[in-house]
């Protein structure tokens, strides 16, 4: 399956990293998985190496089963009807 996935589709591989990998002849996720650890770490750092290790089945990135609660509040007001005219919107903002 990994042989059919373009290296640019791998999570963590951006445009620049994809270009570097293609230049080195690595075109698929399988080829990335089989790359030498030292070579990957030297060119892509620890995060690149962790991505490769994940492809090999070694968990490196923690998975959060439940997203942490957000610590922000939003107050929103609505018009009660669709506002399509800019003048109506300007008038509503000026009154606040």
PDB file of N, CA and C in Angstrom:
ATOM      1  N   UNK A   1       0.822  -1.195   0.000  1.00  0.00           N
ATOM      2  CA  UNK A   1       0.000   0.000   0.000  1.00  0.00           C
ATOM      3  C   UNK A   1       0.869   1.262   0.000  1.00  0.00           C
ATOM      4  N   UNK A   2       1.922   1.272   0.832  1.00  0.00           N
ATOM      5  CA  UNK A   2       2.771   2.464   0.903  1.00  0.00           C
ATOM      6  C   UNK A   2       3.447   2.772  -0.434  1.00  0.00           C
ATOM      7  N   UNK A   3       3.642   1.769  -1.257  1.00  0.00           N
ATOM      8  CA  UNK A   3       4.270   1.977  -2.567  1.00  0.00           C
ATOM      9  C   UNK A   3       3.383   2.787  -3.506  1.00  0.00           C
ATOM     10  N   UNK A   4       2.090   2.868  -3.200  1.00  0.00           N
ATOM     11  CA  UNK A   4       1.161   3.606  -4.060  1.00  0.00           C
ATOM     12  C   UNK A   4       0.916   5.038  -3.566  1.00  0.00           C
ATOM     13  N   UNK A   5       1.467   5.392  -2.411  1.00  0.00           N
ATOM     14  CA  UNK A   5       1.230   6.716  -1.830  1.00  0.00           C
ATOM     15  C   UNK A   5       2.402   7.635  -2.140  1.00  0.00           C
ATOM     16  N   UNK A   6       2.091   8.773  -2.749  1.00  0.00           N
ATOM     17  CA  UNK A   6       3.111   9.774  -3.065  1.00  0.00           C
ATOM     18  C   UNK A   6       3.718  10.299  -1.771  1.00  0.00           C
ATOM     19  N   UNK A   7       5.019  10.520  -1.753  1.00  0.00           N
ATOM     20  CA  UNK A   7       5.703  10.947  -0.535  1.00  0.00           C
ATOM     21  C   UNK A   7       5.146  12.278  -0.015  1.00  0.00           C
ATOM     22  N   UNK A   8       4.631  13.108  -0.885  1.00  0.00           N
ATOM     23  CA  UNK A   8       4.054  14.384  -0.476  1.00  0.00           C
ATOM     24  C   UNK A   8       2.743  14.246   0.270  1.00  0.00           C
ATOM     25  N   UNK A   9       2.125  13.079   0.201  1.00  0.00           N
ATOM     26  CA  UNK A   9       0.862  12.835   0.897  1.00  0.00           C
ATOM     27  C   UNK A   9       1.074  12.386   2.341  1.00  0.00           C
ATOM     28  N   UNK A  10       2.302  12.117   2.721  1.00  0.00           N
ATOM     29  CA  UNK A  10       2.615  11.674   4.083  1.00  0.00           C
ATOM     30  C   UNK A  10       2.496  12.869   5.008  1.00  0.00           C
ATOM     31  N   UNK A  11       1.788  12.673   6.144  1.00  0.00           N
ATOM     32  CA  UNK A  11       1.623  13.742   7.116  1.00  0.00           C
ATOM     33  C   UNK A  11       2.990  14.192   7.601  1.00  0.00           C
ATOM     34  N   UNK A  12       3.232  15.499   7.595  1.00  0.00           N
ATOM     35  CA  UNK A  12       4.505  16.023   8.063  1.00  0.00           C
ATOM     36  C   UNK A  12       5.484  16.329   6.946  1.00  0.00           C
ATOM     37  N   UNK A  13       5.183  15.901   5.734  1.00  0.00           N
ATOM     38  CA  UNK A  13       6.051  16.179   4.594  1.00  0.00           C
ATOM     39  C   UNK A  13       5.431  17.329   3.811  1.00  0.00           C
ATOM     40  N   UNK A  14       6.071  18.479   3.903  1.00  0.00           N
ATOM     41  CA  UNK A  14       5.584  19.657   3.181  1.00  0.00           C
ATOM     42  C   UNK A  14       6.186  19.760   1.800  1.00  0.00           C
ATOM     43  N   UNK A  15       5.946  20.893   1.158  1.00  0.00           N
ATOM     44  CA  UNK A  15       6.447  21.093  -0.208  1.00  0.00           C
ATOM     45  C   UNK A  15       7.968  21.041  -0.289  1.00  0.00           C
ATOM     46  N   UNK A  16       8.624  21.734   0.648  1.00  0.00           N
ATOM     47  CA  UNK A  16      10.094  21.770   0.598  1.00  0.00           C
ATOM     48  C   UNK A  16      10.699  20.396   0.862  1.00  0.00           C
ATOM     49  N   UNK A  17      10.155  19.716   1.861  1.00  0.00           N
ATOM     50  CA  UNK A  17      10.682  18.376   2.156  1.00  0.00           C
ATOM     51  C   UNK A  17      10.404  17.418   1.010  1.00  0.00           C
ATOM     52  N   UNK A  18       9.249  17.557   0.391  1.00  0.00           N
ATOM     53  CA  UNK A  18       8.933  16.697  -0.749  1.00  0.00           C
ATOM     54  C   UNK A  18       9.950  16.930  -1.867  1.00  0.00           C
ATOM     55  N   UNK A  19      10.290  18.184  -2.115  1.00  0.00           N
ATOM     56  CA  UNK A  19      11.261  18.488  -3.168  1.00  0.00           C
ATOM     57  C   UNK A  19      12.626  17.867  -2.848  1.00  0.00           C
ATOM     58  N   UNK A  20      13.048  17.949  -1.574  1.00  0.00           N
ATOM     59  CA  UNK A  20      14.323  17.343  -1.169  1.00  0.00           C
ATOM     60  C   UNK A  20      14.292  15.827  -1.347  1.00  0.00           C
ATOM     61  N   UNK A  21      13.168  15.222  -0.974  1.00  0.00           N
ATOM     62  CA  UNK A  21      13.046  13.767  -1.095  1.00  0.00           C
ATOM     63  C   UNK A  21      13.045  13.330  -2.552  1.00  0.00           C
ATOM     64  N   UNK A  22      12.320  14.053  -3.389  1.00  0.00           N
ATOM     65  CA  UNK A  22      12.294  13.715  -4.816  1.00  0.00           C
ATOM     66  C   UNK A  22      13.685  13.842  -5.424  1.00  0.00           C
ATOM     67  N   UNK A  23      14.419  14.868  -4.999  1.00  0.00           N
ATOM     68  CA  UNK A  23      15.777  15.053  -5.504  1.00  0.00           C
ATOM     69  C   UNK A  23      16.670  13.876  -5.106  1.00  0.00           C
ATOM     70  N   UNK A  24      16.378  13.276  -3.949  1.00  0.00           N
ATOM     71  CA  UNK A  24      17.158  12.122  -3.483  1.00  0.00           C
ATOM     72  C   UNK A  24      16.620  10.811  -4.048  1.00  0.00           C
ATOM     73  N   UNK A  25      15.585  10.888  -4.880  1.00  0.00           N
ATOM     74  CA  UNK A  25      15.040   9.681  -5.499  1.00  0.00           C
ATOM     75  C   UNK A  25      13.961   8.988  -4.678  1.00  0.00           C
ATOM     76  N   UNK A  26      13.487   9.618  -3.624  1.00  0.00           N
ATOM     77  CA  UNK A  26      12.428   9.036  -2.789  1.00  0.00           C
ATOM     78  C   UNK A  26      11.101   9.615  -3.250  1.00  0.00           C
ATOM     79  N   UNK A  27      10.290   8.763  -3.877  1.00  0.00           N
ATOM     80  CA  UNK A  27       9.032   9.216  -4.480  1.00  0.00           C
ATOM     81  C   UNK A  27       7.796   8.687  -3.762  1.00  0.00           C
ATOM     82  N   UNK A  28       7.933   7.599  -3.031  1.00  0.00           N
ATOM     83  CA  UNK A  28       6.771   6.982  -2.380  1.00  0.00           C
ATOM     84  C   UNK A  28       6.969   6.883  -0.876  1.00  0.00           C
ATOM     85  N   UNK A  29       5.868   6.659  -0.174  1.00  0.00           N
ATOM     86  CA  UNK A  29       5.917   6.477   1.276  1.00  0.00           C
ATOM     87  C   UNK A  29       6.735   5.238   1.632  1.00  0.00           C
ATOM     88  N   UNK A  30       6.690   4.213   0.805  1.00  0.00           N
ATOM     89  CA  UNK A  30       7.473   3.001   1.053  1.00  0.00           C
ATOM     90  C   UNK A  30       8.967   3.302   0.994  1.00  0.00           C
ATOM     91  N   UNK A  31       9.390   4.056  -0.004  1.00  0.00           N
ATOM     92  CA  UNK A  31      10.801   4.414  -0.116  1.00  0.00           C
ATOM     93  C   UNK A  31      11.239   5.266   1.084  1.00  0.00           C
ATOM     94  N   UNK A  32      10.362   6.134   1.545  1.00  0.00           N
ATOM     95  CA  UNK A  32      10.663   6.943   2.728  1.00  0.00           C
ATOM     96  C   UNK A  32      10.800   6.053   3.952  1.00  0.00           C
ATOM     97  N   UNK A  33       9.912   5.085   4.084  1.00  0.00           N
ATOM     98  CA  UNK A  33       9.957   4.144   5.210  1.00  0.00           C
ATOM     99  C   UNK A  33      11.279   3.374   5.234  1.00  0.00           C
ATOM    100  N   UNK A  34      11.814   3.067   4.068  1.00  0.00           N
ATOM    101  CA  UNK A  34      13.025   2.263   3.961  1.00  0.00           C
ATOM    102  C   UNK A  34      14.311   3.087   4.000  1.00  0.00           C
ATOM    103  N   UNK A  35      14.201   4.422   4.082  1.00  0.00           N
ATOM    104  CA  UNK A  35      15.389   5.283   4.095  1.00  0.00           C
ATOM    105  C   UNK A  35      16.171   5.090   5.393  1.00  0.00           C
ATOM    106  N   UNK A  36      17.469   5.339   5.333  1.00  0.00           N
ATOM    107  CA  UNK A  36      18.334   5.178   6.505  1.00  0.00           C
ATOM    108  C   UNK A  36      18.040   6.269   7.539  1.00  0.00           C
ATOM    109  N   UNK A  37      18.021   5.881   8.798  1.00  0.00           N
ATOM    110  CA  UNK A  37      17.702   6.805   9.886  1.00  0.00           C
ATOM    111  C   UNK A  37      18.657   7.996   9.928  1.00  0.00           C
ATOM    112  N   UNK A  38      19.938   7.738   9.835  1.00  0.00           N
ATOM    113  CA  UNK A  38      20.931   8.806   9.905  1.00  0.00           C
ATOM    114  C   UNK A  38      20.760   9.835   8.806  1.00  0.00           C
ATOM    115  N   UNK A  39      20.477   9.365   7.606  1.00  0.00           N
ATOM    116  CA  UNK A  39      20.280  10.251   6.465  1.00  0.00           C
ATOM    117  C   UNK A  39      19.053  11.124   6.679  1.00  0.00           C
ATOM    118  N   UNK A  40      17.975  10.512   7.142  1.00  0.00           N
ATOM    119  CA  UNK A  40      16.730  11.254   7.393  1.00  0.00           C
ATOM    120  C   UNK A  40      16.954  12.300   8.476  1.00  0.00           C
ATOM    121  N   UNK A  41      17.554  11.898   9.590  1.00  0.00           N
ATOM    122  CA  UNK A  41      17.752  12.825  10.711  1.00  0.00           C
ATOM    123  C   UNK A  41      18.647  13.993  10.316  1.00  0.00           C
ATOM    124  N   UNK A  42      19.674  13.719   9.525  1.00  0.00           N
ATOM    125  CA  UNK A  42      20.604  14.770   9.107  1.00  0.00           C
ATOM    126  C   UNK A  42      19.906  15.809   8.226  1.00  0.00           C
ATOM    127  N   UNK A  43      19.042  15.362   7.356  1.00  0.00           N
ATOM    128  CA  UNK A  43      18.404  16.274   6.400  1.00  0.00           C
ATOM    129  C   UNK A  43      17.061  16.827   6.846  1.00  0.00           C
ATOM    130  N   UNK A  44      16.333  16.098   7.709  1.00  0.00           N
ATOM    131  CA  UNK A  44      14.973  16.513   8.077  1.00  0.00           C
ATOM    132  C   UNK A  44      14.764  16.663   9.583  1.00  0.00           C
ATOM    133  N   UNK A  45      15.815  16.413  10.349  1.00  0.00           N
ATOM    134  CA  UNK A  45      15.726  16.607  11.792  1.00  0.00           C
ATOM    135  C   UNK A  45      14.957  15.491  12.488  1.00  0.00           C
ATOM    136  N   UNK A  46      14.738  15.704  13.773  1.00  0.00           N
ATOM    137  CA  UNK A  46      14.093  14.686  14.585  1.00  0.00           C
ATOM    138  C   UNK A  46      12.638  14.466  14.172  1.00  0.00           C
ATOM    139  N   UNK A  47      11.956  15.515  13.725  1.00  0.00           N
ATOM    140  CA  UNK A  47      10.562  15.342  13.319  1.00  0.00           C
ATOM    141  C   UNK A  47      10.456  14.515  12.046  1.00  0.00           C
ATOM    142  N   UNK A  48      11.417  14.677  11.131  1.00  0.00           N
ATOM    143  CA  UNK A  48      11.443  13.836   9.946  1.00  0.00           C
ATOM    144  C   UNK A  48      11.687  12.387  10.305  1.00  0.00           C
ATOM    145  N   UNK A  49      12.607  12.171  11.250  1.00  0.00           N
ATOM    146  CA  UNK A  49      12.892  10.806  11.691  1.00  0.00           C
ATOM    147  C   UNK A  49      11.677  10.192  12.376  1.00  0.00           C
ATOM    148  N   UNK A  50      10.988  10.973  13.182  1.00  0.00           N
ATOM    149  CA  UNK A  50       9.780  10.463  13.841  1.00  0.00           C
ATOM    150  C   UNK A  50       8.706  10.083  12.821  1.00  0.00           C
ATOM    151  N   UNK A  51       8.598  10.856  11.761  1.00  0.00           N
ATOM    152  CA  UNK A  51       7.637  10.526  10.704  1.00  0.00           C
ATOM    153  C   UNK A  51       7.982   9.180  10.085  1.00  0.00           C
ATOM    154  N   UNK A  52       9.266   8.951   9.820  1.00  0.00           N
ATOM    155  CA  UNK A  52       9.707   7.675   9.248  1.00  0.00           C
ATOM    156  C   UNK A  52       9.437   6.533  10.229  1.00  0.00           C
ATOM    157  N   UNK A  53       9.735   6.747  11.495  1.00  0.00           N
ATOM    158  CA  UNK A  53       9.485   5.710  12.497  1.00  0.00           C
ATOM    159  C   UNK A  53       7.998   5.382  12.588  1.00  0.00           C
ATOM    160  N   UNK A  54       7.149   6.388  12.467  1.00  0.00           N
ATOM    161  CA  UNK A  54       5.695   6.153  12.458  1.00  0.00           C
ATOM    162  C   UNK A  54       5.307   5.288  11.259  1.00  0.00           C
ATOM    163  N   UNK A  55       5.921   5.539  10.102  1.00  0.00           N
ATOM    164  CA  UNK A  55       5.645   4.714   8.917  1.00  0.00           C
ATOM    165  C   UNK A  55       6.044   3.261   9.160  1.00  0.00           C
ATOM    166  N   UNK A  56       7.049   3.062   9.985  1.00  0.00           N
ATOM    167  CA  UNK A  56       7.507   1.710  10.309  1.00  0.00           C
ATOM    168  C   UNK A  56       6.687   1.060  11.421  1.00  0.00           C
ATOM    169  N   UNK A  57       5.771   1.808  12.011  1.00  0.00           N
ATOM    170  CA  UNK A  57       4.907   1.238  13.038  1.00  0.00           C
ATOM    171  C   UNK A  57       5.327   1.543  14.461  1.00  0.00           C
ATOM    172  N   UNK A  58       6.328   2.393  14.629  1.00  0.00           N
ATOM    173  CA  UNK A  58       6.768   2.781  15.970  1.00  0.00           C
ATOM    174  C   UNK A  58       6.079   4.088  16.348  1.00  0.00           C
ATOM    175  N   UNK A  59       5.196   4.061  17.340  1.00  0.00           N
ATOM    176  CA  UNK A  59       4.483   5.293  17.710  1.00  0.00           C
ATOM    177  C   UNK A  59       5.435   6.331  18.299  1.00  0.00           C
ATOM    178  N   UNK A  60       5.393   7.541  17.761  1.00  0.00           N
ATOM    179  CA  UNK A  60       6.239   8.635  18.249  1.00  0.00           C
ATOM    180  C   UNK A  60       5.417   9.859  18.619  1.00  0.00           C
ATOM    181  N   UNK A  61       4.267  10.007  18.003  1.00  0.00           N
ATOM    182  CA  UNK A  61       3.409  11.148  18.266  1.00  0.00           C
ATOM    183  C   UNK A  61       2.258  10.693  19.141  1.00  0.00           C
ATOM    184  N   UNK A  62       2.092  11.350  20.274  1.00  0.00           N
ATOM    185  CA  UNK A  62       1.018  10.987  21.203  1.00  0.00           C
ATOM    186  C   UNK A  62      -0.340  11.271  20.583  1.00  0.00           C
ATOM    187  N   UNK A  63      -1.242  10.347  20.783  1.00  0.00           N
ATOM    188  CA  UNK A  63      -2.611  10.517  20.310  1.00  0.00           C
ATOM    189  C   UNK A  63      -3.470  10.904  21.498  1.00  0.00           C
ATOM    190  N   UNK A  64      -4.259  11.944  21.361  1.00  0.00           N
ATOM    191  CA  UNK A  64      -5.155  12.351  22.426  1.00  0.00           C
ATOM    192  C   UNK A  64      -6.529  11.777  22.134  1.00  0.00           C
ATOM    193  N   UNK A  65      -7.043  10.899  23.016  1.00  0.00           N
ATOM    194  CA  UNK A  65      -8.346  10.294  22.758  1.00  0.00           C
ATOM    195  C   UNK A  65      -9.483  11.310  22.777  1.00  0.00           C
ATOM    196  N   UNK A  66      -9.336  12.338  23.590  1.00  0.00           N
ATOM    197  CA  UNK A  66     -10.352  13.385  23.666  1.00  0.00           C
ATOM    198  C   UNK A  66      -9.631  14.726  23.575  1.00  0.00           C
ATOM    199  N   UNK A  67     -10.159  15.605  22.750  1.00  0.00           N
ATOM    200  CA  UNK A  67      -9.533  16.914  22.612  1.00  0.00           C
ATOM    201  C   UNK A  67      -9.665  17.690  23.915  1.00  0.00           C
ATOM    202  N   UNK A  68      -8.614  18.407  24.303  1.00  0.00           N
ATOM    203  CA  UNK A  68      -8.700  19.186  25.534  1.00  0.00           C
ATOM    204  C   UNK A  68      -9.738  20.299  25.381  1.00  0.00           C
ATOM    205  N   UNK A  69     -10.384  20.677  26.490  1.00  0.00           N
ATOM    206  CA  UNK A  69     -11.405  21.724  26.394  1.00  0.00           C
ATOM    207  C   UNK A  69     -10.782  23.053  25.969  1.00  0.00           C
ATOM    208  N   UNK A  70     -11.506  23.793  25.177  1.00  0.00           N
ATOM    209  CA  UNK A  70     -11.010  25.082  24.717  1.00  0.00           C
ATOM    210  C   UNK A  70     -11.122  26.094  25.846  1.00  0.00           C
ATOM    211  N   UNK A  71     -10.181  27.014  25.894  1.00  0.00           N
ATOM    212  CA  UNK A  71     -10.139  27.987  26.971  1.00  0.00           C
ATOM    213  C   UNK A  71     -10.468  29.386  26.463  1.00  0.00           C
ATOM    214  N   UNK A  72     -11.470  29.484  25.625  1.00  0.00           N
ATOM    215  CA  UNK A  72     -11.871  30.793  25.139  1.00  0.00           C
ATOM    216  C   UNK A  72     -13.391  30.881  25.093  1.00  0.00           C
ATOM    217  N   UNK A  73     -13.847  32.084  25.089  1.00  0.00           N
ATOM    218  CA  UNK A  73     -15.278  32.328  25.029  1.00  0.00           C
ATOM    219  C   UNK A  73     -15.576  33.208  23.834  1.00  0.00           C
ATOM    220  N   UNK A  74     -16.684  32.934  23.183  1.00  0.00           N
ATOM    221  CA  UNK A  74     -17.093  33.744  22.045  1.00  0.00           C
ATOM    222  C   UNK A  74     -18.504  34.250  22.320  1.00  0.00           C
ATOM    223  N   UNK A  75     -18.678  35.533  22.118  1.00  0.00           N
ATOM    224  CA  UNK A  75     -20.009  36.118  22.222  1.00  0.00           C
ATOM    225  C   UNK A  75     -20.395  36.536  20.819  1.00  0.00           C
ATOM    226  N   UNK A  76     -21.522  36.063  20.386  1.00  0.00           N
ATOM    227  CA  UNK A  76     -21.952  36.336  19.031  1.00  0.00           C
ATOM    228  C   UNK A  76     -23.374  36.872  19.041  1.00  0.00           C
ATOM    229  N   UNK A  77     -23.630  37.785  18.187  1.00  0.00           N
ATOM    230  CA  UNK A  77     -24.983  38.331  18.060  1.00  0.00           C
ATOM    231  C   UNK A  77     -25.433  38.152  16.621  1.00  0.00           C
ATOM    232  N   UNK A  78     -26.705  37.951  16.464  1.00  0.00           N
ATOM    233  CA  UNK A  78     -27.229  37.809  15.106  1.00  0.00           C
ATOM    234  C   UNK A  78     -28.283  38.880  14.873  1.00  0.00           C
ATOM    235  N   UNK A  79     -28.634  39.088  13.638  1.00  0.00           N
ATOM    236  CA  UNK A  79     -29.588  40.113  13.260  1.00  0.00           C
ATOM    237  C   UNK A  79     -31.031  39.625  13.303  1.00  0.00           C
ATOM    238  N   UNK A  80     -31.237  38.339  13.315  1.00  0.00           N
ATOM    239  CA  UNK A  80     -32.597  37.812  13.278  1.00  0.00           C
ATOM    240  C   UNK A  80     -33.147  37.710  11.872  1.00  0.00           C
ATOM    241  N   UNK A  81     -32.441  38.304  10.929  1.00  0.00           N
ATOM    242  CA  UNK A  81     -32.818  38.208   9.515  1.00  0.00           C
ATOM    243  C   UNK A  81     -31.553  38.335   8.671  1.00  0.00           C
ATOM    244  N   UNK A  82     -31.615  37.931   7.435  1.00  0.00           N
ATOM    245  CA  UNK A  82     -30.467  37.974   6.535  1.00  0.00           C
ATOM    246  C   UNK A  82     -30.133  39.416   6.191  1.00  0.00           C
ATOM    247  N   UNK A  83     -28.900  39.820   6.423  1.00  0.00           N
ATOM    248  CA  UNK A  83     -28.444  41.173   6.105  1.00  0.00           C
ATOM    249  C   UNK A  83     -27.668  41.093   4.795  1.00  0.00           C
ATOM    250  N   UNK A  84     -28.158  41.782   3.799  1.00  0.00           N
ATOM    251  CA  UNK A  84     -27.521  41.731   2.480  1.00  0.00           C
ATOM    252  C   UNK A  84     -26.981  43.078   2.037  1.00  0.00           C
ATOM    253  N   UNK A  85     -27.379  44.136   2.710  1.00  0.00           N
ATOM    254  CA  UNK A  85     -26.941  45.486   2.330  1.00  0.00           C
ATOM    255  C   UNK A  85     -25.856  45.970   3.276  1.00  0.00           C
ATOM    256  N   UNK A  86     -24.791  46.525   2.721  1.00  0.00           N
ATOM    257  CA  UNK A  86     -23.697  47.041   3.520  1.00  0.00           C
ATOM    258  C   UNK A  86     -24.163  48.185   4.414  1.00  0.00           C
ATOM    259  N   UNK A  87     -25.090  48.987   3.916  1.00  0.00           N
ATOM    260  CA  UNK A  87     -25.586  50.115   4.714  1.00  0.00           C
ATOM    261  C   UNK A  87     -26.286  49.620   5.985  1.00  0.00           C
ATOM    262  N   UNK A  88     -27.019  48.508   5.902  1.00  0.00           N
ATOM    263  CA  UNK A  88     -27.669  47.932   7.091  1.00  0.00           C
ATOM    264  C   UNK A  88     -26.633  47.468   8.104  1.00  0.00           C
ATOM    265  N   UNK A  89     -25.560  46.870   7.621  1.00  0.00           N
ATOM    266  CA  UNK A  89     -24.497  46.390   8.503  1.00  0.00           C
ATOM    267  C   UNK A  89     -23.784  47.567   9.170  1.00  0.00           C
ATOM    268  N   UNK A  90     -23.485  48.618   8.393  1.00  0.00           N
ATOM    269  CA  UNK A  90     -22.842  49.807   8.960  1.00  0.00           C
ATOM    270  C   UNK A  90     -23.714  50.448  10.023  1.00  0.00           C
ATOM    271  N   UNK A  91     -24.997  50.505   9.774  1.00  0.00           N
ATOM    272  CA  UNK A  91     -25.929  51.096  10.738  1.00  0.00           C
ATOM    273  C   UNK A  91     -25.960  50.286  12.031  1.00  0.00           C
ATOM    274  N   UNK A  92     -25.975  48.964  11.925  1.00  0.00           N
ATOM    275  CA  UNK A  92     -26.009  48.105  13.115  1.00  0.00           C
ATOM    276  C   UNK A  92     -24.729  48.259  13.925  1.00  0.00           C
ATOM    277  N   UNK A  93     -23.581  48.372  13.263  1.00  0.00           N
ATOM    278  CA  UNK A  93     -22.306  48.515  13.964  1.00  0.00           C
ATOM    279  C   UNK A  93     -22.226  49.878  14.638  1.00  0.00           C
ATOM    280  N   UNK A  94     -22.732  50.927  13.980  1.00  0.00           N
ATOM    281  CA  UNK A  94     -22.678  52.287  14.527  1.00  0.00           C
ATOM    282  C   UNK A  94     -23.535  52.411  15.783  1.00  0.00           C
ATOM    283  N   UNK A  95     -24.595  51.631  15.909  1.00  0.00           N
ATOM    284  CA  UNK A  95     -25.496  51.700  17.063  1.00  0.00           C
ATOM    285  C   UNK A  95     -24.918  51.028  18.284  1.00  0.00           C
ATOM    286  N   UNK A  96     -23.919  50.215  18.146  1.00  0.00           N
ATOM    287  CA  UNK A  96     -23.381  49.448  19.295  1.00  0.00           C
ATOM    288  C   UNK A  96     -22.373  50.247  20.055  1.00  0.00           C
TER     289      UNK A  96
END
